[in-house]
Amino acid sequence: MLRHATVPPDRAWFTWSSRPAEMVFLPLGLRLTPVAFAGSTGRATLFPPGPNVRFGRHHLDARAVELSLGHAGTVLEWRYRKPDPFVITGGWSAPTLGEWGLRFWVNLCVSAEDGSPVRFHPDTGAAVVKVGTRFAAVVCAEAPVQVTGHADAEALAADYEANGYFHLGSRATEAPALALRFNLEMTRTGRFAAAVADSEVLAVSKARAALSSTSASVLDGDIPPLHTGRFGGALDAVRDVIAWNTVWDGVNARPYTSISRNWNQAKFGGFGVWLNDQHYAALMTALLDHEVGRENLAVTLASATPQGNFACLLTANDAWVDRTQLPVASFLVWLIFLRSGSLPVLRQSIDSLSRNHAWWWANRDPHGRGLVSYGTSDVGEGLYKGTSFGARNESSMDNSPIHDEARYDPATRTLDCMDVGLNSLLALDAEMLALITAALGRTTEADAHARQADELRARIRTELWDESRGIFANQLSAASGRRASIPWWPAFPRPIRRTTSSPTSPIPPPSGATSSSRA
């Protein structure tokens, strides 16, 4: 039985967990967890995110993963390679020792999420676990100094801190988590391999074969860079950042590229989706791997509320459904389509994108004048709901001085400010919706979106242009027409004057939107 059957085989082995150095075979819930103990401090570590972890290369399919791990002055260069979707090889070297190597212990902890027992076979030197009908085997190039059994990796760390490294009482050949223990005096450089197969014999033999064929590359590696020439390495950096922040959302059972893997557990309790950040993650991952981009786009679309907007923030602890963020989703979806040519991406997105666009007019046009403002609707229970700060969250620039002069109006639940940037992005959103619906053959909708984009651009030119200063400026009061002293953009060019007259009535909301100015 597979625990997670939707992840493709080439990404089954991946750094899915909140621990950066831990490798997980997701379909079986199998975990390989590095744990270190320093006798000088008496402290053990599972290398959580933080200053002791330095990230290196990371391919989107984990064919190569590299990072540096620090503990009590000792540095471990940790490496993984994936020669086969069902095989992972790994190893470490210690270029820097903070103490005598005999007192610093490196452990490879093998466990399964469902608690299936891990068994160590001294005759073969293999740790084997059966999950459902499948077997996984872990073998090492050098025999471990000893093998100990524990409830989980955390219990292994606690055992070290309570009993030190001379303790023999936890020796075992079967446990929910087995620790293969090494010290840096005897094994300053170590290698291991793990394989998954449908028989124990086959799993062990595959792991042994992988170990014998990757003696050098597992530590050094000669995988060519992704990007050479002008600005060489830039795409490699993008790849590494998004791969290291792609994790498994155990709350919603899905992969996604998080805002920061450091926040995934500690700050958000299991997952955290900022709307605009997730849009950008979808665009960046689609640049390198269309499937990963599609997964991130699905996370964005899943934030759609029954009211129509995409939620500003969703975490395991909170849900900001009363507000959204900048309307850039249609633009990014169109960019993804231009690169991939995938019509299913457009079909998957268009209805939610259209509802989100209509939501802005139904809930953020408080005076029915065809210009929208940031706000916070009267729905949900999110932090900062119904406050000026909550309304500013929609701008993605919570601490920007741009909106310092704006007042929050409890009656309309919006900032008393017609924002140039927001309305310009909403015009772009309408333009992109016109392109998307046209590509899908929905001509009537495409024409309507195109007209709305034209009308909103004209409204921005006539109402948000400050002739006295020669700039576009936010309008702070719908009643007075007072301009913001801080311009939206200090060097914005003068508008191009059209010969056609400006619209004399507010832009009607899209079909299906309500005329209410409150949510």
Foldseek 3Di string as FASTA:
>chain_A
DFPFDPDDLLQQFACFALALQWTANRRFQKIWFKKKAAQVVLAIDSRGDDDQKAFDFAFLSRQKGWIWGDDQFWIKTKIWHDPDSFKIKIKIAIPTDNDPQVRMKIKTKIAGPVLFKWFADVVLQWIWGDGDQKIKIKHKPDQAPAKFADAGPVRVRVCCSVPNDVDDVRGDRMYRMMIRMHTCVVPNMIMMMMGMDRDPVVRSVVRVVVCVVCVDCNRPNDDDAPADDVVGPPLSVLRRQQRSQWHAQPVVGAIARAPHSSCCPVPFNRGKDAQVVLLVSLLSVLVPPVVRSLRSVVVNLVQADPQQARWRMDGPVFTQNQFHAALCNLVSLVVSCVVVVDLVSLVVPLVSLLSNLLSQQQAAPQVLAAFGFFFGAPDGDGPPGLHPLSSCSRHVCSPDCQCVPWDQDSVLRGTQKRALVRLLSSLVSLQSSLVSCVVVVVNVSNVVSPVSSVLSVLVQLVLQQDVVLQAGFMQRHPVPSHTDPDRPDNPDHRDDDDPDDHDPGHDDRDPPHDNHHHD
